[in-house]
Amino acid sequence: MASNGEQIPDPATDRYGYSRTALARLVLAYELQELADRAIGGVPTVNDSWSQPGETVSDALDLVHQAQEVLTRAVVYERVKHTSWEAIGEALGDITRQSAQERYREAVQEWKDSQQEPYYEPSHPGGVRGVRLHPAAMEPTATGRSLDAWVHQHVKGRPEIEADEHPVTGHLPALSTAEEMVQVLDALNHLYGDMHVPTDPGRRAQLLERKAALLDRIAVEDGRPEAAEQAAEARARAAELRADTA
């Protein structure tokens, strides 16, 4: 449970309630917070007398590396928003579209791949799978709450931010009905098709009920009666799964 009494969603399915753009923005915010925290830590001089030769240079280099991670995540976020490589190249210092793409293509592709398969394959049969997807995207609800609290603690002198209860999560790109359906179907495929995921009828029933609600919305908003029939089928299957666990 969260400290405020709110339920933290299951990390296995939490991300499916967010748009891909929102997840990329949360990851960028997470890395920006990390950079800010590291930079703030270097301001006090209380430990200077005990620092080792070259330690401040090493710390500064760590900041440069973290800043590069922020830049990479910013490029990924822009690509998720469908920003052209040409525009990204200009923002990077007027480099060519081809140079920008070559520099960040691998990071962008890894982001896409980790969305589809968030875990690495175990190194040996029965081994533990490592998490491939960025932790902020794996648990966006907890991450967002933490970032909201961090902003309130650290960003001062900005009345519009101080008055905003959710300065990070309250302004993320919304999840459309169509994209939410894709997320739900991805979640179901993950639960049914991943041999490493233990059978959990309750979780599958929950996703099927969510799928049914989305189909109902599509039936009304798009005037598609077949969607209502599919919703009824999804609810029936969910009821069967719940009955099996009763």
Protein backbone atom coordinates (compact mmCIF):
# COMPACT_ATOMS: atom_id res chain seq x y z
CA MET A 1 0.00 0.00 0.00
CA ALA A 2 1.10 3.56 -0.62
CA SER A 3 1.80 5.79 2.36
CA ASN A 4 -1.32 7.84 1.62
CA GLY A 5 -3.49 4.73 1.70
CA GLU A 6 -3.83 4.43 -2.06
CA GLN A 7 -3.27 1.05 -3.66
CA ILE A 8 -0.12 0.70 -5.76
CA PRO A 9 -0.97 -1.22 -8.94
CA ASP A 10 0.67 -4.53 -9.79
CA PRO A 11 4.05 -3.82 -11.47
CA ALA A 12 3.27 -6.55 -14.01
CA THR A 13 0.40 -4.52 -15.47
CA ASP A 14 0.78 -0.98 -14.10
CA ARG A 15 2.36 0.37 -17.28
CA TYR A 16 -0.60 -0.67 -19.42
CA GLY A 17 -2.65 2.14 -17.90
CA TYR A 18 -0.32 4.78 -19.36
CA SER A 19 0.32 5.93 -22.90
CA ARG A 20 3.73 5.15 -24.37
CA THR A 21 4.41 8.89 -24.51
CA ALA A 22 3.57 9.29 -20.82
CA LEU A 23 5.94 6.44 -19.90
CA ALA A 24 8.78 7.99 -21.90
CA ARG A 25 8.16 11.34 -20.20
CA LEU A 26 8.20 9.73 -16.74
CA VAL A 27 11.52 8.07 -17.54
CA LEU A 28 12.95 11.43 -18.62
CA ALA A 29 11.66 13.07 -15.42
CA TYR A 30 13.18 10.25 -13.35
CA GLU A 31 16.61 10.76 -14.92
CA LEU A 32 16.35 14.54 -14.54
CA GLN A 33 15.64 14.09 -10.84
CA GLU A 34 18.65 11.80 -10.55
CA LEU A 35 20.85 14.43 -12.23
CA ALA A 36 19.52 17.19 -9.97
CA ASP A 37 20.05 15.15 -6.81
CA ARG A 38 23.62 14.31 -7.79
CA ALA A 39 24.39 17.93 -8.63
CA ILE A 40 22.91 19.20 -5.35
CA GLY A 41 25.08 16.72 -3.45
CA GLY A 42 28.20 18.42 -4.78
CA VAL A 43 27.30 21.90 -3.53
CA PRO A 44 28.14 21.56 0.22
CA THR A 45 31.82 21.82 1.18
CA VAL A 46 31.57 20.07 4.55
CA ASN A 47 33.41 16.94 3.34
CA ASP A 48 36.06 18.66 1.22
CA SER A 49 38.79 18.09 3.82
CA TRP A 50 38.41 14.31 3.47
CA SER A 51 38.11 14.08 -0.32
CA GLN A 52 40.66 12.05 -2.24
CA PRO A 53 42.81 13.56 -5.00
CA GLY A 54 40.75 13.77 -8.19
CA GLU A 55 37.49 12.95 -6.39
CA THR A 56 35.75 16.15 -7.45
CA VAL A 57 36.74 15.52 -11.06
CA SER A 58 35.36 11.99 -10.82
CA ASP A 59 32.12 13.33 -9.36
CA ALA A 60 31.86 15.91 -12.11
CA LEU A 61 32.41 13.21 -14.72
CA ASP A 62 29.58 11.20 -13.18
CA LEU A 63 27.36 14.24 -13.68
CA VAL A 64 28.38 14.42 -17.33
CA HIS A 65 27.50 10.75 -17.80
CA GLN A 66 24.12 11.30 -16.11
CA ALA A 67 23.51 14.35 -18.28
CA GLN A 68 24.18 12.18 -21.33
CA GLU A 69 21.57 9.72 -20.05
CA VAL A 70 19.11 12.60 -19.71
CA LEU A 71 19.86 13.65 -23.29
CA THR A 72 19.31 10.11 -24.56
CA ARG A 73 15.99 9.85 -22.75
CA ALA A 74 14.98 13.25 -24.15
CA VAL A 75 15.65 12.00 -27.68
CA VAL A 76 13.64 8.82 -27.01
CA TYR A 77 10.76 10.93 -25.68
CA GLU A 78 10.83 13.16 -28.76
CA ARG A 79 10.81 10.14 -31.07
CA VAL A 80 7.85 8.65 -29.19
CA LYS A 81 6.11 11.98 -29.86
CA HIS A 82 6.94 11.48 -33.57
CA THR A 83 9.43 14.33 -33.69
CA SER A 84 11.47 14.01 -36.89
CA TRP A 85 15.15 13.13 -36.84
CA GLU A 86 15.76 16.34 -38.75
CA ALA A 87 14.26 18.43 -35.91
CA ILE A 88 16.19 16.44 -33.32
CA GLY A 89 19.41 16.98 -35.26
CA GLU A 90 18.84 20.72 -35.30
CA ALA A 91 18.22 20.72 -31.53
CA LEU A 92 21.44 18.75 -30.98
CA GLY A 93 23.49 21.55 -32.51
CA ASP A 94 22.47 21.53 -36.13
CA ILE A 95 23.80 18.07 -36.96
CA THR A 96 22.35 16.12 -39.86
CA ARG A 97 19.28 13.93 -39.62
CA GLN A 98 21.43 10.91 -40.46
CA SER A 99 23.98 11.70 -37.73
CA ALA A 100 21.25 12.11 -35.12
CA GLN A 101 19.62 8.85 -36.14
CA GLU A 102 22.90 6.94 -36.11
CA ARG A 103 23.77 8.31 -32.66
CA TYR A 104 20.47 7.46 -30.96
CA ARG A 105 18.84 4.78 -33.11
CA GLU A 106 19.94 1.94 -30.83
CA ALA A 107 18.54 3.64 -27.70
CA VAL A 108 15.22 4.33 -29.42
CA GLN A 109 14.96 0.74 -30.62
CA GLU A 110 15.83 -0.62 -27.18
CA TRP A 111 13.02 1.45 -25.70
CA LYS A 112 10.56 -0.01 -28.20
CA ASP A 113 11.81 -3.56 -27.64
CA SER A 114 11.68 -3.26 -23.85
CA GLN A 115 8.04 -2.21 -24.11
CA GLN A 116 7.24 -5.50 -25.82
CA GLU A 117 9.51 -7.67 -23.68
CA PRO A 118 10.27 -6.01 -20.33
CA TYR A 119 12.52 -8.80 -19.04
CA TYR A 120 15.80 -10.29 -20.18
CA GLU A 121 15.90 -14.02 -20.78
CA PRO A 122 17.55 -15.90 -17.89
CA SER A 123 21.14 -16.89 -18.45
CA HIS A 124 20.32 -20.51 -17.65
CA PRO A 125 17.19 -22.66 -17.25
CA GLY A 126 15.40 -21.78 -14.05
CA GLY A 127 17.43 -18.62 -13.62
CA VAL A 128 16.11 -15.24 -12.54
CA ARG A 129 15.15 -12.84 -15.30
CA GLY A 130 16.57 -9.33 -15.11
CA VAL A 131 14.34 -6.34 -15.66
CA ARG A 132 14.93 -4.80 -19.07
CA LEU A 133 12.36 -2.01 -19.00
CA HIS A 134 13.35 1.19 -17.20
CA PRO A 135 12.07 1.09 -13.58
CA ALA A 136 10.11 4.32 -14.01
CA ALA A 137 8.19 2.73 -16.89
CA MET A 138 7.77 -0.56 -15.06
CA GLU A 139 6.16 1.11 -12.05
CA PRO A 140 4.84 4.43 -13.36
CA THR A 141 2.26 5.03 -10.62
CA ALA A 142 4.77 4.82 -7.76
CA THR A 143 7.34 6.74 -9.81
CA GLY A 144 4.87 9.51 -10.59
CA ARG A 145 3.87 9.93 -6.97
CA SER A 146 7.50 10.10 -5.94
CA LEU A 147 8.27 12.70 -8.62
CA ASP A 148 5.26 14.82 -7.61
CA ALA A 149 6.55 14.84 -4.01
CA TRP A 150 10.11 15.62 -5.14
CA VAL A 151 8.97 18.63 -7.16
CA HIS A 152 7.02 20.02 -4.20
CA GLN A 153 10.07 19.62 -1.99
CA HIS A 154 12.68 21.07 -4.34
CA VAL A 155 11.04 23.50 -6.76
CA LYS A 156 10.41 26.79 -4.94
CA GLY A 157 9.43 30.24 -6.10
CA ARG A 158 7.16 28.93 -8.85
CA PRO A 159 3.57 29.62 -7.69
CA GLU A 160 1.99 27.72 -10.58
CA ILE A 161 3.95 24.60 -9.59
CA GLU A 162 3.58 24.98 -5.83
CA ALA A 163 -0.20 25.26 -6.23
CA ASP A 164 -0.39 22.14 -8.43
CA GLU A 165 -1.10 18.98 -6.46
CA HIS A 166 0.27 16.80 -9.26
CA PRO A 167 2.94 18.84 -11.08
CA VAL A 168 4.28 15.76 -12.87
CA THR A 169 1.50 13.20 -13.14
CA GLY A 170 -1.25 15.75 -13.67
CA HIS A 171 0.09 16.78 -17.06
CA LEU A 172 1.17 13.53 -18.69
CA PRO A 173 -0.18 12.75 -22.18
CA ALA A 174 -3.56 11.04 -21.89
CA LEU A 175 -4.17 7.45 -22.88
CA SER A 176 -6.67 7.26 -25.76
CA THR A 177 -9.26 4.48 -25.96
CA ALA A 178 -7.49 2.92 -28.94
CA GLU A 179 -4.07 3.02 -27.30
CA GLU A 180 -5.46 1.72 -24.02
CA MET A 181 -6.92 -1.23 -25.91
CA VAL A 182 -3.51 -1.96 -27.41
CA GLN A 183 -2.03 -1.82 -23.91
CA VAL A 184 -4.65 -4.24 -22.55
CA LEU A 185 -4.13 -6.68 -25.42
CA ASP A 186 -0.36 -6.50 -24.87
CA ALA A 187 -0.92 -7.27 -21.20
CA LEU A 188 -3.13 -10.25 -21.99
CA ASN A 189 -0.65 -11.57 -24.54
CA HIS A 190 2.09 -11.21 -21.94
CA LEU A 191 0.12 -13.12 -19.30
CA TYR A 192 -1.04 -15.87 -21.64
CA GLY A 193 2.09 -16.21 -23.72
CA ASP A 194 4.95 -15.81 -21.23
CA MET A 195 6.00 -19.15 -19.81
CA HIS A 196 7.88 -17.35 -17.03
CA VAL A 197 4.71 -15.68 -15.68
CA PRO A 198 2.82 -17.82 -13.12
CA THR A 199 -0.82 -18.53 -13.90
CA ASP A 200 -2.99 -15.87 -12.28
CA PRO A 201 -6.68 -16.18 -13.24
CA GLY A 202 -7.61 -13.17 -11.10
CA ARG A 203 -5.24 -10.86 -12.94
CA ARG A 204 -6.42 -12.15 -16.31
CA ALA A 205 -10.04 -11.67 -15.27
CA GLN A 206 -9.26 -8.09 -14.27
CA LEU A 207 -7.71 -7.37 -17.67
CA LEU A 208 -10.62 -9.00 -19.49
CA GLU A 209 -13.06 -6.83 -17.56
CA ARG A 210 -11.04 -3.78 -18.51
CA LYS A 211 -11.08 -4.95 -22.12
CA ALA A 212 -14.86 -5.32 -21.91
CA ALA A 213 -15.25 -1.77 -20.56
CA LEU A 214 -13.17 -0.42 -23.43
CA LEU A 215 -15.19 -2.38 -25.97
CA ASP A 216 -18.39 -0.93 -24.48
CA ARG A 217 -16.93 2.53 -24.90
CA ILE A 218 -15.99 1.80 -28.51
CA ALA A 219 -19.48 0.45 -29.20
CA VAL A 220 -21.05 3.71 -27.99
CA GLU A 221 -18.49 6.23 -29.25
CA ASP A 222 -17.92 4.63 -32.66
CA GLY A 223 -21.37 3.10 -33.17
CA ARG A 224 -20.04 -0.44 -33.49
CA PRO A 225 -22.53 -3.03 -32.18
CA GLU A 226 -20.06 -5.87 -32.74
CA ALA A 227 -17.85 -4.30 -30.06
CA ALA A 228 -20.69 -4.71 -27.54
CA GLU A 229 -20.89 -8.41 -28.43
CA GLN A 230 -17.14 -8.78 -27.95
CA ALA A 231 -17.46 -7.01 -24.59
CA ALA A 232 -20.06 -9.55 -23.47
CA GLU A 233 -17.75 -12.40 -24.48
CA ALA A 234 -14.85 -10.87 -22.56
CA ARG A 235 -17.00 -10.48 -19.44
CA ALA A 236 -18.21 -14.05 -19.70
CA ARG A 237 -14.63 -15.30 -19.90
CA ALA A 238 -13.69 -13.12 -16.92
CA ALA A 239 -16.60 -14.55 -14.93
CA GLU A 240 -15.41 -18.07 -15.72
CA LEU A 241 -11.92 -17.26 -14.49
CA ARG A 242 -13.25 -15.75 -11.26
CA ALA A 243 -15.50 -18.74 -10.72
CA ASP A 244 -12.49 -21.05 -11.06
CA THR A 245 -10.73 -19.19 -8.23
CA ALA A 246 -13.78 -18.94 -5.94
